[in-house]
C-alpha atoms as a PDB file:
ATOM      1  CA  UNK A   1     250.280 106.692 154.050  1.00  0.00           C
ATOM      2  CA  UNK A   2     251.236 103.337 155.605  1.00  0.00           C
ATOM      3  CA  UNK A   3     254.951 102.797 156.109  1.00  0.00           C
ATOM      4  CA  UNK A   4     256.566  99.484 155.069  1.00  0.00           C
ATOM      5  CA  UNK A   5     257.143  97.248 158.081  1.00  0.00           C
ATOM      6  CA  UNK A   6     260.681  96.381 159.025  1.00  0.00           C
ATOM      7  CA  UNK A   7     261.988  92.881 159.004  1.00  0.00           C
ATOM      8  CA  UNK A   8     261.962  91.236 162.424  1.00  0.00           C
ATOM      9  CA  UNK A   9     264.670  88.927 163.772  1.00  0.00           C
ATOM     10  CA  UNK A  10     264.330  85.316 164.887  1.00  0.00           C
ATOM     11  CA  UNK A  11     262.945  84.095 161.561  1.00  0.00           C
ATOM     12  CA  UNK A  12     259.513  85.658 162.022  1.00  0.00           C
ATOM     13  CA  UNK A  13     257.626  86.877 158.934  1.00  0.00           C
ATOM     14  CA  UNK A  14     258.762  90.238 157.694  1.00  0.00           C
ATOM     15  CA  UNK A  15     255.460  91.943 158.431  1.00  0.00           C
ATOM     16  CA  UNK A  16     255.076  90.452 161.913  1.00  0.00           C
ATOM     17  CA  UNK A  17     255.426  92.949 164.707  1.00  0.00           C
ATOM     18  CA  UNK A  18     255.169  92.441 168.425  1.00  0.00           C
ATOM     19  CA  UNK A  19     252.619  94.430 170.358  1.00  0.00           C
ATOM     20  CA  UNK A  20     255.344  96.682 171.735  1.00  0.00           C
ATOM     21  CA  UNK A  21     256.758  97.357 168.262  1.00  0.00           C
ATOM     22  CA  UNK A  22     253.301  98.167 166.907  1.00  0.00           C
ATOM     23  CA  UNK A  23     252.633 100.502 169.822  1.00  0.00           C
ATOM     24  CA  UNK A  24     255.935 102.264 169.167  1.00  0.00           C
ATOM     25  CA  UNK A  25     255.110 102.689 165.490  1.00  0.00           C
ATOM     26  CA  UNK A  26     251.654 104.096 166.258  1.00  0.00           C
ATOM     27  CA  UNK A  27     253.151 106.463 168.835  1.00  0.00           C
ATOM     28  CA  UNK A  28     255.660 107.742 166.286  1.00  0.00           C
ATOM     29  CA  UNK A  29     253.017 108.333 163.624  1.00  0.00           C
ATOM     30  CA  UNK A  30     250.060 109.481 165.726  1.00  0.00           C
ATOM     31  CA  UNK A  31     251.670 110.937 168.839  1.00  0.00           C
ATOM     32  CA  UNK A  32     252.478 114.396 167.429  1.00  0.00           C
ATOM     33  CA  UNK A  33     248.956 114.816 166.001  1.00  0.00           C
ATOM     34  CA  UNK A  34     247.259 113.810 169.252  1.00  0.00           C
ATOM     35  CA  UNK A  35     249.508 116.112 171.276  1.00  0.00           C
ATOM     36  CA  UNK A  36     248.748 118.923 168.835  1.00  0.00           C
ATOM     37  CA  UNK A  37     245.008 118.397 169.310  1.00  0.00           C
ATOM     38  CA  UNK A  38     245.213 118.153 173.116  1.00  0.00           C
ATOM     39  CA  UNK A  39     247.495 121.171 173.481  1.00  0.00           C
ATOM     40  CA  UNK A  40     245.249 123.286 171.257  1.00  0.00           C
ATOM     41  CA  UNK A  41     242.206 122.360 173.337  1.00  0.00           C
ATOM     42  CA  UNK A  42     244.059 123.191 176.544  1.00  0.00           C
ATOM     43  CA  UNK A  43     246.108 126.265 175.663  1.00  0.00           C
ATOM     44  CA  UNK A  44     245.460 127.429 172.092  1.00  0.00           C
ATOM     45  CA  UNK A  45     247.116 127.175 168.718  1.00  0.00           C
ATOM     46  CA  UNK A  46     250.492 128.661 169.623  1.00  0.00           C
ATOM     47  CA  UNK A  47     251.055 126.323 172.562  1.00  0.00           C
ATOM     48  CA  UNK A  48     249.850 123.496 170.334  1.00  0.00           C
ATOM     49  CA  UNK A  49     252.346 124.484 167.638  1.00  0.00           C
ATOM     50  CA  UNK A  50     255.236 124.519 170.108  1.00  0.00           C
ATOM     51  CA  UNK A  51     254.142 121.136 171.481  1.00  0.00           C
ATOM     52  CA  UNK A  52     253.755 119.758 167.955  1.00  0.00           C
ATOM     53  CA  UNK A  53     257.315 120.770 167.118  1.00  0.00           C
ATOM     54  CA  UNK A  54     258.739 119.281 170.324  1.00  0.00           C
ATOM     55  CA  UNK A  55     256.914 115.963 170.003  1.00  0.00           C
ATOM     56  CA  UNK A  56     257.839 115.724 166.316  1.00  0.00           C
ATOM     57  CA  UNK A  57     261.523 115.925 167.273  1.00  0.00           C
ATOM     58  CA  UNK A  58     260.919 113.224 169.893  1.00  0.00           C
ATOM     59  CA  UNK A  59     259.195 111.063 167.247  1.00  0.00           C
ATOM     60  CA  UNK A  60     262.217 111.428 164.966  1.00  0.00           C
ATOM     61  CA  UNK A  61     264.537 110.384 167.801  1.00  0.00           C
ATOM     62  CA  UNK A  62     262.386 107.366 168.649  1.00  0.00           C
ATOM     63  CA  UNK A  63     262.181 106.353 164.979  1.00  0.00           C
ATOM     64  CA  UNK A  64     265.963 106.516 164.686  1.00  0.00           C
ATOM     65  CA  UNK A  65     266.425 104.565 167.923  1.00  0.00           C
ATOM     66  CA  UNK A  66     263.874 101.914 166.919  1.00  0.00           C
ATOM     67  CA  UNK A  67     264.580 101.496 163.211  1.00  0.00           C
ATOM     68  CA  UNK A  68     268.062 103.033 162.787  1.00  0.00           C
ATOM     69  CA  UNK A  69     266.652 105.091 159.935  1.00  0.00           C
ATOM     70  CA  UNK A  70     264.189 107.928 159.406  1.00  0.00           C
ATOM     71  CA  UNK A  71     261.101 107.185 157.280  1.00  0.00           C
ATOM     72  CA  UNK A  72     261.017 109.590 154.353  1.00  0.00           C
ATOM     73  CA  UNK A  73     257.463 110.777 154.976  1.00  0.00           C
ATOM     74  CA  UNK A  74     258.115 111.406 158.662  1.00  0.00           C
ATOM     75  CA  UNK A  75     261.310 113.285 157.865  1.00  0.00           C
ATOM     76  CA  UNK A  76     259.681 115.531 155.247  1.00  0.00           C
ATOM     77  CA  UNK A  77     256.752 116.238 157.545  1.00  0.00           C
ATOM     78  CA  UNK A  78     259.102 117.027 160.446  1.00  0.00           C
ATOM     79  CA  UNK A  79     261.123 119.524 158.400  1.00  0.00           C
ATOM     80  CA  UNK A  80     257.971 121.353 157.325  1.00  0.00           C
ATOM     81  CA  UNK A  81     256.590 121.293 160.890  1.00  0.00           C
ATOM     82  CA  UNK A  82     259.770 122.827 162.274  1.00  0.00           C
ATOM     83  CA  UNK A  83     260.057 125.501 159.582  1.00  0.00           C
ATOM     84  CA  UNK A  84     256.397 126.530 159.498  1.00  0.00           C
ATOM     85  CA  UNK A  85     256.009 126.091 163.243  1.00  0.00           C
ATOM     86  CA  UNK A  86     258.908 128.478 163.824  1.00  0.00           C
ATOM     87  CA  UNK A  87     257.317 131.026 161.485  1.00  0.00           C
ATOM     88  CA  UNK A  88     253.998 130.616 163.295  1.00  0.00           C
ATOM     89  CA  UNK A  89     255.527 131.279 166.698  1.00  0.00           C
ATOM     90  CA  UNK A  90     257.895 134.033 165.618  1.00  0.00           C
ATOM     91  CA  UNK A  91     255.315 135.989 163.614  1.00  0.00           C
ATOM     92  CA  UNK A  92     252.363 135.005 165.845  1.00  0.00           C
ATOM     93  CA  UNK A  93     250.457 134.026 162.716  1.00  0.00           C
ATOM     94  CA  UNK A  94     248.776 130.613 162.686  1.00  0.00           C
ATOM     95  CA  UNK A  95     248.433 130.721 158.893  1.00  0.00           C
ATOM     96  CA  UNK A  96     251.849 129.087 158.566  1.00  0.00           C
ATOM     97  CA  UNK A  97     251.059 125.989 160.628  1.00  0.00           C
ATOM     98  CA  UNK A  98     247.750 125.657 158.774  1.00  0.00           C
ATOM     99  CA  UNK A  99     249.665 125.616 155.490  1.00  0.00           C
ATOM    100  CA  UNK A 100     251.881 122.793 156.690  1.00  0.00           C
ATOM    101  CA  UNK A 101     249.627 119.900 155.525  1.00  0.00           C
ATOM    102  CA  UNK A 102     249.175 121.552 152.126  1.00  0.00           C
ATOM    103  CA  UNK A 103     252.931 121.844 151.636  1.00  0.00           C
ATOM    104  CA  UNK A 104     253.604 118.293 152.805  1.00  0.00           C
ATOM    105  CA  UNK A 105     250.902 116.743 150.621  1.00  0.00           C
ATOM    106  CA  UNK A 106     252.027 118.686 147.549  1.00  0.00           C
ATOM    107  CA  UNK A 107     255.635 117.679 148.229  1.00  0.00           C
ATOM    108  CA  UNK A 108     254.636 114.010 148.354  1.00  0.00           C
ATOM    109  CA  UNK A 109     252.567 114.378 145.168  1.00  0.00           C
ATOM    110  CA  UNK A 110     255.477 116.065 143.378  1.00  0.00           C
ATOM    111  CA  UNK A 111     257.875 113.357 144.553  1.00  0.00           C
ATOM    112  CA  UNK A 112     255.609 110.579 143.276  1.00  0.00           C
ATOM    113  CA  UNK A 113     254.911 112.459 140.047  1.00  0.00           C
ATOM    114  CA  UNK A 114     258.615 112.981 139.379  1.00  0.00           C
ATOM    115  CA  UNK A 115     259.167 109.264 139.816  1.00  0.00           C
ATOM    116  CA  UNK A 116     256.485 108.500 137.256  1.00  0.00           C
ATOM    117  CA  UNK A 117     258.016 110.930 134.762  1.00  0.00           C
ATOM    118  CA  UNK A 118     261.395 109.270 135.260  1.00  0.00           C
ATOM    119  CA  UNK A 119     259.733 105.849 134.894  1.00  0.00           C
ATOM    120  CA  UNK A 120     260.807 104.932 138.424  1.00  0.00           C
ATOM    121  CA  UNK A 121     257.646 104.556 140.540  1.00  0.00           C
ATOM    122  CA  UNK A 122     258.660 105.714 144.008  1.00  0.00           C
ATOM    123  CA  UNK A 123     256.189 103.422 145.749  1.00  0.00           C
ATOM    124  CA  UNK A 124     258.012 100.420 144.331  1.00  0.00           C
ATOM    125  CA  UNK A 125     261.196 101.647 145.995  1.00  0.00           C
ATOM    126  CA  UNK A 126     259.375 102.204 149.302  1.00  0.00           C
ATOM    127  CA  UNK A 127     257.092  99.176 149.375  1.00  0.00           C
ATOM    128  CA  UNK A 128     258.700  96.724 146.971  1.00  0.00           C
ATOM    129  CA  UNK A 129     259.956  94.576 149.850  1.00  0.00           C
ATOM    130  CA  UNK A 130     256.410  94.247 151.200  1.00  0.00           C
ATOM    131  CA  UNK A 131     254.202  94.038 148.088  1.00  0.00           C
ATOM    132  CA  UNK A 132     254.972  92.350 144.798  1.00  0.00           C
ATOM    133  CA  UNK A 133     253.224  94.111 141.906  1.00  0.00           C
ATOM    134  CA  UNK A 134     253.739  94.216 138.183  1.00  0.00           C
ATOM    135  CA  UNK A 135     255.198  97.337 136.589  1.00  0.00           C
ATOM    136  CA  UNK A 136     251.769  98.601 135.396  1.00  0.00           C
ATOM    137  CA  UNK A 137     250.464  97.976 138.910  1.00  0.00           C
ATOM    138  CA  UNK A 138     253.155 100.125 140.532  1.00  0.00           C
ATOM    139  CA  UNK A 139     252.535 102.905 138.001  1.00  0.00           C
ATOM    140  CA  UNK A 140     248.800 102.941 138.593  1.00  0.00           C
ATOM    141  CA  UNK A 141     249.188 102.785 142.375  1.00  0.00           C
ATOM    142  CA  UNK A 142     251.746 105.586 142.367  1.00  0.00           C
ATOM    143  CA  UNK A 143     249.523 107.772 140.173  1.00  0.00           C
ATOM    144  CA  UNK A 144     246.551 107.192 142.444  1.00  0.00           C
ATOM    145  CA  UNK A 145     248.512 108.166 145.554  1.00  0.00           C
ATOM    146  CA  UNK A 146     249.860 111.279 143.839  1.00  0.00           C
ATOM    147  CA  UNK A 147     246.328 112.362 142.919  1.00  0.00           C
ATOM    148  CA  UNK A 148     245.137 111.548 146.437  1.00  0.00           C
ATOM    149  CA  UNK A 149     247.821 113.781 147.958  1.00  0.00           C
ATOM    150  CA  UNK A 150     246.823 116.617 145.637  1.00  0.00           C
ATOM    151  CA  UNK A 151     243.187 116.173 146.673  1.00  0.00           C
ATOM    152  CA  UNK A 152     244.189 116.227 150.350  1.00  0.00           C
ATOM    153  CA  UNK A 153     246.162 119.443 149.821  1.00  0.00           C
ATOM    154  CA  UNK A 154     243.106 121.057 148.217  1.00  0.00           C
ATOM    155  CA  UNK A 155     240.902 119.768 151.043  1.00  0.00           C
ATOM    156  CA  UNK A 156     243.200 121.260 153.669  1.00  0.00           C
ATOM    157  CA  UNK A 157     243.052 124.626 151.918  1.00  0.00           C
ATOM    158  CA  UNK A 158     239.254 124.512 151.823  1.00  0.00           C
ATOM    159  CA  UNK A 159     238.960 123.526 155.480  1.00  0.00           C
ATOM    160  CA  UNK A 160     241.369 125.964 157.102  1.00  0.00           C
ATOM    161  CA  UNK A 161     240.121 128.905 155.057  1.00  0.00           C
ATOM    162  CA  UNK A 162     236.462 128.295 155.935  1.00  0.00           C
ATOM    163  CA  UNK A 163     236.300 127.041 159.521  1.00  0.00           C
ATOM    164  CA  UNK A 164     237.594 128.078 162.931  1.00  0.00           C
ATOM    165  CA  UNK A 165     241.089 127.169 164.086  1.00  0.00           C
ATOM    166  CA  UNK A 166     239.716 124.666 166.611  1.00  0.00           C
ATOM    167  CA  UNK A 167     237.651 122.936 163.934  1.00  0.00           C
ATOM    168  CA  UNK A 168     240.657 122.775 161.609  1.00  0.00           C
ATOM    169  CA  UNK A 169     242.809 121.247 164.345  1.00  0.00           C
ATOM    170  CA  UNK A 170     240.124 118.624 165.019  1.00  0.00           C
ATOM    171  CA  UNK A 171     239.895 117.824 161.325  1.00  0.00           C
ATOM    172  CA  UNK A 172     243.672 117.591 161.053  1.00  0.00           C
ATOM    173  CA  UNK A 173     243.838 115.168 163.967  1.00  0.00           C
ATOM    174  CA  UNK A 174     240.780 113.041 163.203  1.00  0.00           C
ATOM    175  CA  UNK A 175     239.959 113.669 159.552  1.00  0.00           C
ATOM    176  CA  UNK A 176     243.113 113.304 157.489  1.00  0.00           C
ATOM    177  CA  UNK A 177     244.190 109.992 159.004  1.00  0.00           C
ATOM    178  CA  UNK A 178     240.857 108.151 158.524  1.00  0.00           C
ATOM    179  CA  UNK A 179     240.639 109.454 154.963  1.00  0.00           C
ATOM    180  CA  UNK A 180     244.139 108.158 154.262  1.00  0.00           C
ATOM    181  CA  UNK A 181     243.316 104.795 155.825  1.00  0.00           C
ATOM    182  CA  UNK A 182     240.115 104.426 153.800  1.00  0.00           C
ATOM    183  CA  UNK A 183     241.931 105.382 150.604  1.00  0.00           C
ATOM    184  CA  UNK A 184     244.695 102.856 151.309  1.00  0.00           C
ATOM    185  CA  UNK A 185     242.103 100.112 151.817  1.00  0.00           C
ATOM    186  CA  UNK A 186     240.365 101.102 148.602  1.00  0.00           C
ATOM    187  CA  UNK A 187     243.559 100.327 146.686  1.00  0.00           C
ATOM    188  CA  UNK A 188     243.565  96.652 147.685  1.00  0.00           C
ATOM    189  CA  UNK A 189     241.566  95.501 144.612  1.00  0.00           C
ATOM    190  CA  UNK A 190     244.104  97.175 142.320  1.00  0.00           C
ATOM    191  CA  UNK A 191     246.995  95.600 144.213  1.00  0.00           C
ATOM    192  CA  UNK A 192     245.363  92.174 143.989  1.00  0.00           C
ATOM    193  CA  UNK A 193     244.628  92.625 140.282  1.00  0.00           C
ATOM    194  CA  UNK A 194     248.228  93.511 139.512  1.00  0.00           C
ATOM    195  CA  UNK A 195     249.874  91.144 141.950  1.00  0.00           C
ATOM    196  CA  UNK A 196     253.020  89.563 140.552  1.00  0.00           C
ATOM    197  CA  UNK A 197     252.865  86.736 143.080  1.00  0.00           C
ATOM    198  CA  UNK A 198     252.029  83.193 141.948  1.00  0.00           C
ATOM    199  CA  UNK A 199     248.349  83.104 141.113  1.00  0.00           C
ATOM    200  CA  UNK A 200     248.145  86.876 140.693  1.00  0.00           C
ATOM    201  CA  UNK A 201     246.503  88.377 137.651  1.00  0.00           C
ATOM    202  CA  UNK A 202     248.052  91.021 135.459  1.00  0.00           C
ATOM    203  CA  UNK A 203     245.265  91.896 133.102  1.00  0.00           C
ATOM    204  CA  UNK A 204     246.891  95.017 131.713  1.00  0.00           C
ATOM    205  CA  UNK A 205     243.497  96.710 131.705  1.00  0.00           C
ATOM    206  CA  UNK A 206     242.803 100.143 133.079  1.00  0.00           C
ATOM    207  CA  UNK A 207     242.059 100.341 136.799  1.00  0.00           C
END
């Protein structure tokens, strides 16, 4: 799921990032997955798991150095990677690392769902400085992302239980991210419909 951009100095727009900053952000978010894929192709799932854990720690360090904070989604994912990666290596059972996406996606869905129950849409807290939506808009967007994460958890379970380890690793590296990107783009009409900016429309109708 896209992370909210950080404000840049020198009076530039909040969502403007230099090429170097964008490259750093992509490296933080995609680097561990690409290393995981490459290491699996070269040396197998256990070497890939160890590499995944190491690069995830590096990504956390770079995120802290660059932004002076740790994005929630990256932090949750890193904790699960380290815990399930350790179990994978210690028990020599790749089931644990294959469960990692399922656990992360369900954790995100539960977090968003809890916010809806408490009438505090989490996405508004995360993205409110970037997007300006009405209250119904934030609720609908949060619900959609929660359902998407549940669907992704189910998809991961179907894939890893029915294909080879190499195929699952390829799907993890090159399947989950495009699906997330396409889903995020598909939410733009809803965000435009419920925009609270001048000229935006809040129809109050179901999305």
